[in-house]
C-alpha atoms as a PDB file:
ATOM      1  CA  UNK A   1      26.601 -37.215  37.269  1.00  0.00           C
ATOM      2  CA  UNK A   2      27.619 -37.405  40.901  1.00  0.00           C
ATOM      3  CA  UNK A   3      29.699 -39.955  43.032  1.00  0.00           C
ATOM      4  CA  UNK A   4      31.776 -39.887  45.923  1.00  0.00           C
ATOM      5  CA  UNK A   5      31.464 -36.070  46.212  1.00  0.00           C
ATOM      6  CA  UNK A   6      32.218 -35.322  42.597  1.00  0.00           C
ATOM      7  CA  UNK A   7      29.542 -33.476  40.665  1.00  0.00           C
ATOM      8  CA  UNK A   8      29.608 -32.875  36.856  1.00  0.00           C
ATOM      9  CA  UNK A   9      26.714 -30.895  35.157  1.00  0.00           C
ATOM     10  CA  UNK A  10      26.548 -29.522  31.639  1.00  0.00           C
ATOM     11  CA  UNK A  11      26.247 -25.953  30.384  1.00  0.00           C
ATOM     12  CA  UNK A  12      22.502 -26.134  30.506  1.00  0.00           C
ATOM     13  CA  UNK A  13      22.301 -27.151  34.128  1.00  0.00           C
ATOM     14  CA  UNK A  14      24.821 -24.384  34.879  1.00  0.00           C
ATOM     15  CA  UNK A  15      22.568 -21.676  33.270  1.00  0.00           C
ATOM     16  CA  UNK A  16      19.502 -22.926  35.139  1.00  0.00           C
ATOM     17  CA  UNK A  17      21.184 -22.859  38.439  1.00  0.00           C
ATOM     18  CA  UNK A  18      22.438 -19.338  37.665  1.00  0.00           C
ATOM     19  CA  UNK A  19      19.010 -18.102  36.566  1.00  0.00           C
ATOM     20  CA  UNK A  20      17.497 -19.396  39.715  1.00  0.00           C
ATOM     21  CA  UNK A  21      20.051 -17.700  41.810  1.00  0.00           C
ATOM     22  CA  UNK A  22      19.262 -14.327  39.940  1.00  0.00           C
ATOM     23  CA  UNK A  23      22.615 -13.848  38.555  1.00  0.00           C
ATOM     24  CA  UNK A  24      21.909 -14.508  34.961  1.00  0.00           C
ATOM     25  CA  UNK A  25      23.207 -11.804  32.747  1.00  0.00           C
ATOM     26  CA  UNK A  26      24.961  -9.637  35.289  1.00  0.00           C
ATOM     27  CA  UNK A  27      24.680  -5.904  34.303  1.00  0.00           C
ATOM     28  CA  UNK A  28      23.059  -7.030  30.992  1.00  0.00           C
ATOM     29  CA  UNK A  29      20.321  -8.830  32.690  1.00  0.00           C
ATOM     30  CA  UNK A  30      18.733  -5.442  33.752  1.00  0.00           C
ATOM     31  CA  UNK A  31      19.238  -4.257  30.189  1.00  0.00           C
ATOM     32  CA  UNK A  32      17.671  -7.257  28.835  1.00  0.00           C
ATOM     33  CA  UNK A  33      14.543  -6.959  30.984  1.00  0.00           C
ATOM     34  CA  UNK A  34      14.335  -3.229  30.313  1.00  0.00           C
ATOM     35  CA  UNK A  35      14.458  -3.514  26.555  1.00  0.00           C
ATOM     36  CA  UNK A  36      12.002  -6.647  26.602  1.00  0.00           C
ATOM     37  CA  UNK A  37       9.453  -4.621  28.683  1.00  0.00           C
ATOM     38  CA  UNK A  38       9.916  -1.380  26.423  1.00  0.00           C
ATOM     39  CA  UNK A  39       9.619  -3.494  23.339  1.00  0.00           C
ATOM     40  CA  UNK A  40       6.267  -4.912  24.599  1.00  0.00           C
ATOM     41  CA  UNK A  41       4.964  -1.514  25.459  1.00  0.00           C
ATOM     42  CA  UNK A  42       6.081   0.187  22.259  1.00  0.00           C
ATOM     43  CA  UNK A  43       4.553  -2.675  20.136  1.00  0.00           C
ATOM     44  CA  UNK A  44       1.103  -2.371  21.846  1.00  0.00           C
ATOM     45  CA  UNK A  45       1.267   1.278  21.414  1.00  0.00           C
ATOM     46  CA  UNK A  46       2.300   0.812  17.783  1.00  0.00           C
ATOM     47  CA  UNK A  47      -0.565  -1.600  17.187  1.00  0.00           C
ATOM     48  CA  UNK A  48      -3.056   1.020  18.473  1.00  0.00           C
ATOM     49  CA  UNK A  49      -1.486   3.778  16.327  1.00  0.00           C
ATOM     50  CA  UNK A  50      -1.395   1.396  13.331  1.00  0.00           C
ATOM     51  CA  UNK A  51      -5.231   0.846  13.923  1.00  0.00           C
ATOM     52  CA  UNK A  52      -5.856   4.605  14.214  1.00  0.00           C
ATOM     53  CA  UNK A  53      -4.028   5.152  10.840  1.00  0.00           C
ATOM     54  CA  UNK A  54      -6.112   2.624   9.197  1.00  0.00           C
ATOM     55  CA  UNK A  55      -9.282   4.147  10.560  1.00  0.00           C
ATOM     56  CA  UNK A  56      -8.507   7.586   9.397  1.00  0.00           C
ATOM     57  CA  UNK A  57      -7.477   6.394   5.933  1.00  0.00           C
ATOM     58  CA  UNK A  58     -10.867   4.579   5.670  1.00  0.00           C
ATOM     59  CA  UNK A  59     -12.668   7.791   6.869  1.00  0.00           C
ATOM     60  CA  UNK A  60     -10.608   9.970   4.221  1.00  0.00           C
ATOM     61  CA  UNK A  61     -11.919   7.668   1.572  1.00  0.00           C
ATOM     62  CA  UNK A  62     -15.497   7.534   2.728  1.00  0.00           C
ATOM     63  CA  UNK A  63     -15.409  11.388   3.002  1.00  0.00           C
ATOM     64  CA  UNK A  64     -13.887  11.746  -0.522  1.00  0.00           C
ATOM     65  CA  UNK A  65     -16.678   9.370  -1.819  1.00  0.00           C
ATOM     66  CA  UNK A  66     -19.239  11.677  -0.208  1.00  0.00           C
ATOM     67  CA  UNK A  67     -17.521  14.736  -1.828  1.00  0.00           C
ATOM     68  CA  UNK A  68     -17.759  13.139  -5.194  1.00  0.00           C
ATOM     69  CA  UNK A  69     -21.547  12.120  -4.747  1.00  0.00           C
ATOM     70  CA  UNK A  70     -22.391  15.791  -3.761  1.00  0.00           C
ATOM     71  CA  UNK A  71     -20.414  17.041  -6.760  1.00  0.00           C
ATOM     72  CA  UNK A  72     -22.373  14.792  -9.004  1.00  0.00           C
ATOM     73  CA  UNK A  73     -25.590  15.880  -7.581  1.00  0.00           C
ATOM     74  CA  UNK A  74     -24.577  19.514  -7.946  1.00  0.00           C
ATOM     75  CA  UNK A  75     -23.718  18.795 -11.581  1.00  0.00           C
ATOM     76  CA  UNK A  76     -27.079  17.389 -12.125  1.00  0.00           C
ATOM     77  CA  UNK A  77     -28.631  20.414 -10.583  1.00  0.00           C
ATOM     78  CA  UNK A  78     -26.690  22.619 -12.841  1.00  0.00           C
ATOM     79  CA  UNK A  79     -27.755  20.677 -15.951  1.00  0.00           C
ATOM     80  CA  UNK A  80     -31.357  21.080 -14.686  1.00  0.00           C
ATOM     81  CA  UNK A  81     -30.642  24.804 -14.473  1.00  0.00           C
ATOM     82  CA  UNK A  82     -29.291  25.063 -17.937  1.00  0.00           C
ATOM     83  CA  UNK A  83     -32.395  23.160 -19.276  1.00  0.00           C
ATOM     84  CA  UNK A  84     -34.728  25.697 -17.495  1.00  0.00           C
ATOM     85  CA  UNK A  85     -32.375  28.649 -18.875  1.00  0.00           C
ATOM     86  CA  UNK A  86     -32.927  27.118 -22.379  1.00  0.00           C
ATOM     87  CA  UNK A  87     -36.606  27.043 -21.957  1.00  0.00           C
ATOM     88  CA  UNK A  88     -36.634  30.520 -20.618  1.00  0.00           C
ATOM     89  CA  UNK A  89     -34.785  31.686 -23.508  1.00  0.00           C
ATOM     90  CA  UNK A  90     -37.146  30.076 -25.979  1.00  0.00           C
ATOM     91  CA  UNK A  91     -40.047  31.579 -23.953  1.00  0.00           C
ATOM     92  CA  UNK A  92     -38.453  35.056 -24.288  1.00  0.00           C
ATOM     93  CA  UNK A  93     -38.016  34.501 -28.037  1.00  0.00           C
ATOM     94  CA  UNK A  94     -41.529  33.493 -28.287  1.00  0.00           C
ATOM     95  CA  UNK A  95     -42.741  36.393 -26.294  1.00  0.00           C
ATOM     96  CA  UNK A  96     -40.708  38.856 -28.384  1.00  0.00           C
ATOM     97  CA  UNK A  97     -42.093  37.354 -31.565  1.00  0.00           C
ATOM     98  CA  UNK A  98     -45.622  36.768 -30.330  1.00  0.00           C
ATOM     99  CA  UNK A  99     -48.618  39.294 -30.944  1.00  0.00           C
ATOM    100  CA  UNK A 100     -49.412  41.480 -28.117  1.00  0.00           C
ATOM    101  CA  UNK A 101     -52.340  39.462 -26.908  1.00  0.00           C
ATOM    102  CA  UNK A 102     -50.043  36.335 -26.433  1.00  0.00           C
ATOM    103  CA  UNK A 103     -47.092  38.240 -24.949  1.00  0.00           C
ATOM    104  CA  UNK A 104     -48.492  37.893 -21.376  1.00  0.00           C
ATOM    105  CA  UNK A 105     -48.646  34.087 -21.575  1.00  0.00           C
ATOM    106  CA  UNK A 106     -45.081  33.906 -22.705  1.00  0.00           C
ATOM    107  CA  UNK A 107     -44.049  36.539 -20.047  1.00  0.00           C
ATOM    108  CA  UNK A 108     -45.701  34.190 -17.388  1.00  0.00           C
ATOM    109  CA  UNK A 109     -43.545  31.341 -18.532  1.00  0.00           C
ATOM    110  CA  UNK A 110     -40.436  33.372 -18.483  1.00  0.00           C
ATOM    111  CA  UNK A 111     -41.152  34.440 -15.001  1.00  0.00           C
ATOM    112  CA  UNK A 112     -41.855  30.767 -13.937  1.00  0.00           C
ATOM    113  CA  UNK A 113     -38.619  29.543 -15.400  1.00  0.00           C
ATOM    114  CA  UNK A 114     -36.710  32.409 -13.668  1.00  0.00           C
ATOM    115  CA  UNK A 115     -38.209  31.466 -10.321  1.00  0.00           C
ATOM    116  CA  UNK A 116     -37.386  27.791 -10.898  1.00  0.00           C
ATOM    117  CA  UNK A 117     -33.824  28.676 -11.914  1.00  0.00           C
ATOM    118  CA  UNK A 118     -33.258  30.514  -8.622  1.00  0.00           C
ATOM    119  CA  UNK A 119     -34.532  27.602  -6.678  1.00  0.00           C
ATOM    120  CA  UNK A 120     -32.369  25.079  -8.639  1.00  0.00           C
ATOM    121  CA  UNK A 121     -29.387  27.347  -8.194  1.00  0.00           C
ATOM    122  CA  UNK A 122     -29.809  27.359  -4.374  1.00  0.00           C
ATOM    123  CA  UNK A 123     -29.888  23.710  -4.298  1.00  0.00           C
ATOM    124  CA  UNK A 124     -26.836  23.469  -6.543  1.00  0.00           C
ATOM    125  CA  UNK A 125     -24.920  25.921  -4.393  1.00  0.00           C
ATOM    126  CA  UNK A 126     -25.802  24.086  -1.285  1.00  0.00           C
ATOM    127  CA  UNK A 127     -24.536  20.852  -2.838  1.00  0.00           C
ATOM    128  CA  UNK A 128     -21.418  22.411  -4.019  1.00  0.00           C
ATOM    129  CA  UNK A 129     -20.874  23.656  -0.475  1.00  0.00           C
ATOM    130  CA  UNK A 130     -21.507  20.265   0.947  1.00  0.00           C
ATOM    131  CA  UNK A 131     -18.947  18.701  -1.439  1.00  0.00           C
ATOM    132  CA  UNK A 132     -16.298  21.205  -0.468  1.00  0.00           C
ATOM    133  CA  UNK A 133     -16.964  20.553   3.259  1.00  0.00           C
ATOM    134  CA  UNK A 134     -16.533  16.623   2.607  1.00  0.00           C
ATOM    135  CA  UNK A 135     -13.382  17.360   0.616  1.00  0.00           C
ATOM    136  CA  UNK A 136     -12.050  19.332   3.539  1.00  0.00           C
ATOM    137  CA  UNK A 137     -12.899  16.641   5.972  1.00  0.00           C
ATOM    138  CA  UNK A 138     -11.210  14.089   3.858  1.00  0.00           C
ATOM    139  CA  UNK A 139      -7.967  16.190   3.665  1.00  0.00           C
ATOM    140  CA  UNK A 140      -7.991  16.569   7.418  1.00  0.00           C
ATOM    141  CA  UNK A 141      -8.403  12.853   7.844  1.00  0.00           C
ATOM    142  CA  UNK A 142      -5.483  12.147   5.264  1.00  0.00           C
ATOM    143  CA  UNK A 143      -3.210  14.528   7.301  1.00  0.00           C
ATOM    144  CA  UNK A 144      -4.127  12.690  10.565  1.00  0.00           C
ATOM    145  CA  UNK A 145      -3.555   9.364   8.727  1.00  0.00           C
ATOM    146  CA  UNK A 146      -0.120  10.497   7.795  1.00  0.00           C
ATOM    147  CA  UNK A 147       0.731  11.418  11.348  1.00  0.00           C
ATOM    148  CA  UNK A 148      -0.412   7.937  12.472  1.00  0.00           C
ATOM    149  CA  UNK A 149       1.716   6.354   9.822  1.00  0.00           C
ATOM    150  CA  UNK A 150       4.671   8.399  10.732  1.00  0.00           C
ATOM    151  CA  UNK A 151       4.243   7.481  14.378  1.00  0.00           C
ATOM    152  CA  UNK A 152       3.868   3.818  13.676  1.00  0.00           C
ATOM    153  CA  UNK A 153       7.013   3.831  11.433  1.00  0.00           C
ATOM    154  CA  UNK A 154       9.083   5.497  14.105  1.00  0.00           C
ATOM    155  CA  UNK A 155       7.928   2.987  16.780  1.00  0.00           C
ATOM    156  CA  UNK A 156       8.839   0.151  14.303  1.00  0.00           C
ATOM    157  CA  UNK A 157      12.367   1.681  14.059  1.00  0.00           C
ATOM    158  CA  UNK A 158      12.480   1.691  17.756  1.00  0.00           C
ATOM    159  CA  UNK A 159      11.658  -1.940  18.086  1.00  0.00           C
ATOM    160  CA  UNK A 160      14.360  -2.742  15.493  1.00  0.00           C
ATOM    161  CA  UNK A 161      16.842  -0.823  17.476  1.00  0.00           C
ATOM    162  CA  UNK A 162      15.750  -2.821  20.594  1.00  0.00           C
ATOM    163  CA  UNK A 163      16.558  -6.053  18.758  1.00  0.00           C
ATOM    164  CA  UNK A 164      19.892  -4.752  17.643  1.00  0.00           C
ATOM    165  CA  UNK A 165      20.765  -3.459  21.252  1.00  0.00           C
ATOM    166  CA  UNK A 166      19.803  -6.915  22.587  1.00  0.00           C
ATOM    167  CA  UNK A 167      22.115  -8.565  20.195  1.00  0.00           C
ATOM    168  CA  UNK A 168      25.042  -6.259  20.467  1.00  0.00           C
ATOM    169  CA  UNK A 169      24.598  -5.191  24.136  1.00  0.00           C
ATOM    170  CA  UNK A 170      25.447  -1.575  23.207  1.00  0.00           C
ATOM    171  CA  UNK A 171      24.136   0.955  25.680  1.00  0.00           C
ATOM    172  CA  UNK A 172      24.023   3.715  22.754  1.00  0.00           C
ATOM    173  CA  UNK A 173      21.586   1.614  20.944  1.00  0.00           C
ATOM    174  CA  UNK A 174      19.391   1.260  24.000  1.00  0.00           C
ATOM    175  CA  UNK A 175      19.390   5.181  24.388  1.00  0.00           C
ATOM    176  CA  UNK A 176      18.536   5.420  20.537  1.00  0.00           C
ATOM    177  CA  UNK A 177      15.776   2.817  21.016  1.00  0.00           C
ATOM    178  CA  UNK A 178      14.227   5.042  23.916  1.00  0.00           C
ATOM    179  CA  UNK A 179      14.650   8.101  21.848  1.00  0.00           C
ATOM    180  CA  UNK A 180      12.837   6.742  18.855  1.00  0.00           C
ATOM    181  CA  UNK A 181      10.225   5.470  21.022  1.00  0.00           C
ATOM    182  CA  UNK A 182       9.646   8.716  22.591  1.00  0.00           C
ATOM    183  CA  UNK A 183       9.506  10.500  19.148  1.00  0.00           C
ATOM    184  CA  UNK A 184       6.980   7.885  17.911  1.00  0.00           C
ATOM    185  CA  UNK A 185       4.780   8.604  20.891  1.00  0.00           C
ATOM    186  CA  UNK A 186       4.938  12.355  20.530  1.00  0.00           C
ATOM    187  CA  UNK A 187       4.150  12.155  16.859  1.00  0.00           C
ATOM    188  CA  UNK A 188       1.177   9.816  17.794  1.00  0.00           C
ATOM    189  CA  UNK A 189       0.188  12.567  20.316  1.00  0.00           C
ATOM    190  CA  UNK A 190       0.231  15.095  17.503  1.00  0.00           C
ATOM    191  CA  UNK A 191      -1.955  12.670  15.358  1.00  0.00           C
ATOM    192  CA  UNK A 192      -4.518  12.466  18.326  1.00  0.00           C
ATOM    193  CA  UNK A 193      -4.597  16.252  18.658  1.00  0.00           C
ATOM    194  CA  UNK A 194      -5.120  16.654  14.881  1.00  0.00           C
ATOM    195  CA  UNK A 195      -1.918  18.672  14.672  1.00  0.00           C
END
């Protein structure tokens, strides 16, 4: 309201004028801008780390599933091996009880079962080795997932500290925010490096 050189404006008008002139917040204005920018960056980095954590967890589950499949296949091969062993034992018993003219026939069966067992054993051993490798890869992915989760958690703490620093205008909370953010990024780097 103005009239005859007298001008009255409300608090909102005063804040708008003050902001236009660049004087909003004094020393805290720089702090607010700095924290806002830091929070945006850390939130973005945290989102990426969160995605990576989810991806490694999914990989760990997939690899563990592959290990279970290979273990089942190996178990099936060992069952097949056992059936051949049983047949071989019966052929050996028949050979030992048979007359001399039939012993050669049963010995051929014993030899065949022994050869088949060796082939089955090689397949079963390979499947067990594959299962062990899938288990190892799953464990590595879970370790990496935990690193990503740790990093994301520390970055979330950093964002919470930023909010508290903005509310309280405490400089030491701003330093704690920067420290937590740095730790979160370092732990994320460890995850990326598989450490």
